[in-house]
Protein backbone atom coordinates (compact mmCIF):
# COMPACT_ATOMS: atom_id res chain seq x y z
CA MET A 1 107.62 43.02 103.37
CA MET A 2 104.83 45.43 104.26
CA ASN A 3 103.53 43.05 106.90
CA PHE A 4 106.97 42.89 108.57
CA TYR A 5 106.73 46.32 110.17
CA VAL A 6 103.18 45.86 111.43
CA TYR A 7 103.81 42.30 112.65
CA THR A 8 106.93 43.43 114.51
CA LEU A 9 105.05 46.36 116.01
CA ARG A 10 102.31 44.08 117.36
CA LYS A 11 104.85 41.60 118.77
CA MET A 12 106.70 44.45 120.54
CA ILE A 13 103.51 45.71 122.14
CA ALA A 14 102.51 42.22 123.28
CA ALA A 15 105.96 41.54 124.76
CA TRP A 16 106.12 44.93 126.47
CA LEU A 17 102.65 44.68 127.97
CA ALA A 18 103.33 41.13 129.19
CA LYS A 19 106.71 42.25 130.58
CA ARG A 20 108.44 39.47 128.65
CA ASP A 21 112.21 39.51 128.57
CA GLN A 22 112.20 38.61 124.89
CA MET A 23 110.15 38.44 121.69
CA PRO A 24 110.64 34.78 120.70
CA GLU A 25 108.80 35.40 117.41
CA MET A 26 111.61 37.77 116.36
CA GLN A 27 114.59 35.53 117.12
CA TRP A 28 114.97 34.76 113.42
CA LEU A 29 115.86 38.44 113.00
CA THR A 30 117.49 39.42 116.27
CA GLY A 31 118.94 36.20 117.61
CA THR A 32 118.46 35.33 121.27
CA ARG A 33 119.00 38.84 122.61
CA LYS A 34 116.91 40.14 125.48
CA PHE A 35 114.01 42.49 124.70
CA ASP A 36 116.10 45.70 124.90
CA GLY A 37 118.71 44.16 122.61
CA GLN A 38 116.04 43.08 120.18
CA LEU A 39 114.66 46.62 120.07
CA LYS A 40 118.13 48.05 119.40
CA GLN A 41 118.76 45.50 116.66
CA ILE A 42 115.47 46.26 114.94
CA LYS A 43 116.01 50.02 115.29
CA THR A 44 119.45 49.64 113.68
CA LEU A 45 117.90 47.75 110.79
CA ILE A 46 115.06 50.19 110.10
CA ASP A 47 116.75 53.54 110.85
CA PRO A 48 118.36 53.98 107.40
CA HIS A 49 114.99 53.41 105.70
CA VAL A 50 112.56 55.59 107.68
CA GLN A 51 113.49 58.92 106.11
CA PRO A 52 113.76 57.68 102.49
CA PHE A 53 110.34 56.03 102.71
CA GLY A 54 108.92 59.25 104.19
CA LYS A 55 110.39 61.27 101.33
CA LEU A 56 109.08 58.78 98.78
CA ALA A 57 105.59 59.10 100.29
CA THR A 58 105.75 62.89 100.11
CA ASP A 59 107.05 62.87 96.53
CA MET A 60 104.36 60.40 95.50
CA GLN A 61 101.60 62.56 96.97
CA ILE A 62 102.92 65.57 95.05
CA LEU A 63 103.04 63.55 91.83
CA MET A 64 99.48 62.27 92.25
CA LYS A 65 98.18 65.82 92.69
CA ARG A 66 99.74 66.81 89.38
CA LEU A 67 98.32 63.94 87.35
CA PRO A 68 94.91 63.75 85.67
CA SER A 69 92.47 62.02 87.99
CA GLU A 70 92.31 58.83 85.90
CA ASP A 71 96.09 58.39 85.98
CA ALA A 72 96.25 59.37 89.65
CA GLY A 73 93.65 56.72 90.43
CA ARG A 74 95.70 53.99 88.77
CA LEU A 75 98.86 55.21 90.49
CA TYR A 76 97.01 55.29 93.80
CA ASN A 77 96.32 51.57 93.63
CA ASP A 78 99.41 50.42 91.75
CA LEU A 79 101.99 52.29 93.83
CA TRP A 80 100.68 54.75 96.40
CA LEU A 81 99.02 52.29 98.75
CA SER A 82 102.14 50.10 98.93
CA ILE A 83 104.32 53.15 99.53
CA ALA A 84 101.95 54.47 102.19
CA ILE A 85 101.94 51.14 104.01
CA HIS A 86 105.73 51.00 104.00
CA ALA A 87 106.32 54.65 104.88
CA TYR A 88 103.77 54.94 107.66
CA SER A 89 104.24 51.51 109.23
CA ILE A 90 108.04 51.78 109.38
CA LYS A 91 107.59 55.22 110.96
CA ALA A 92 105.13 53.75 113.47
CA LEU A 93 107.64 51.03 114.33
CA GLU A 94 110.36 53.64 114.89
CA LEU A 95 108.01 55.69 117.06
CA LEU A 96 107.10 52.64 119.13
CA ILE A 97 110.75 51.79 119.82
CA ASP A 98 111.37 55.43 120.80
CA ALA A 99 108.27 55.34 123.03
CA ILE A 100 109.54 52.29 124.87
CA ASP A 101 112.92 54.00 125.35
CA ALA A 102 111.16 57.13 126.65
CA TYR A 103 109.05 55.06 129.03
CA ASP A 104 112.15 53.27 130.33
CA SER A 105 113.68 56.72 130.94
CA HIS A 106 110.54 57.72 132.91
CA ASP A 107 109.54 60.27 130.28
CA PHE A 108 105.94 59.10 130.27
CA VAL A 109 104.51 62.07 128.39
CA ASP A 110 106.95 61.56 125.51
CA ALA A 111 106.21 57.82 125.52
CA PHE A 112 102.46 58.47 125.36
CA LEU A 113 102.84 61.06 122.57
CA ARG A 114 105.02 58.77 120.46
CA VAL A 115 102.56 55.90 120.83
CA ASP A 116 99.79 58.28 119.79
CA GLN A 117 101.79 59.35 116.72
CA ALA A 118 102.39 55.70 115.83
CA LYS A 119 98.65 55.01 116.14
CA LYS A 120 97.95 57.96 113.82
CA CYS A 121 100.34 56.46 111.26
CA MET A 122 98.33 53.22 111.28
CA GLN A 123 95.06 55.14 111.08
CA LEU A 124 96.43 57.12 108.14
CA ILE A 125 97.07 53.90 106.22
CA HIS A 126 93.54 52.76 106.96
CA SER A 127 92.09 56.08 105.81
CA GLN A 128 94.09 55.83 102.57
CA TRP A 129 92.37 52.51 101.95
CA GLN A 130 88.94 53.99 102.66
CA THR A 131 89.41 57.05 100.42
CA ASN A 132 90.52 55.08 97.39
CA PRO A 133 89.59 57.09 94.28
CA GLU A 134 88.94 53.91 92.29
CA ALA A 135 85.45 52.74 93.17
CA LYS A 136 86.14 49.14 92.15
CA TRP A 137 88.93 48.87 94.78
CA ARG A 138 87.38 50.97 97.54
CA HIS A 139 86.04 48.01 99.54
CA PHE A 140 88.82 45.59 98.68
CA TYR A 141 90.84 46.73 101.69
CA ASP A 142 88.01 46.18 104.15
CA ASN A 143 89.47 42.69 104.58
CA ASP A 144 92.58 43.64 106.55
CA CYS A 145 93.72 40.10 107.35
CA TYR A 146 97.01 40.38 105.42
CA ALA A 147 98.52 43.49 106.97
CA ASN A 148 96.39 43.80 110.13
CA ILE A 149 96.66 47.59 110.11
CA THR A 150 93.47 48.03 112.14
CA LEU A 151 94.67 45.52 114.73
CA ALA A 152 97.97 47.41 115.02
CA ALA A 153 96.10 50.69 115.54
CA GLU A 154 93.99 49.06 118.26
CA ALA A 155 97.10 47.61 119.93
CA LEU A 156 98.74 51.05 119.91
CA ALA A 157 95.59 52.60 121.37
CA THR A 158 95.64 50.00 124.14
CA LEU A 159 99.31 50.69 124.83
CA GLY A 160 98.61 54.42 124.97
CA ASN A 161 95.80 53.80 127.46
CA VAL A 162 98.07 51.66 129.65
CA ILE A 163 100.75 54.33 129.67
CA ARG A 164 98.19 57.02 130.41
CA ILE A 165 96.55 55.08 133.24
CA THR A 166 99.75 53.90 134.92
CA CYS A 167 101.73 57.10 134.53
CA ASP A 168 99.16 59.83 135.06
CA GLY A 169 100.76 61.04 138.26
CA PRO A 170 101.59 59.92 141.78
CA ASP A 171 97.92 59.39 142.63
CA GLU A 172 97.72 56.66 139.95
CA ASN A 173 100.64 54.57 141.26
């Protein structure tokens, strides 16, 4: 399930940048709706889960700070990393959908800022992998082929650059 959010995020960016009228890869989830309809459908599906995952991530961080380091290290790998991936990638997906809506409403600054926040969510997941307190697992996540978190962060950075370049004022049009 953790790959769902990141995969969907990358497919949205690709479709938006290519100005496609649909994400064919997401028809299994959204049906044959047009791109805007697909975004609305996905937003409806994820909205009830964004806040609970965020709260779970916060509660988990508090718990880990209270535990002895050995127990916190086990919890970090057994639960925290999965929770972080879910919480931050679903938030990034929500932010991306909101950014596309802002862009469509010609609120380019808000669109850029939301894309930047989404990118920071992906970077936060990556940093959680890199700061793993268990030495034996620290380099395990260097192979990011399953979740493609780093690719998602790069795609968001590219999208932010496109928005910045194309919407930086009347002299850029």
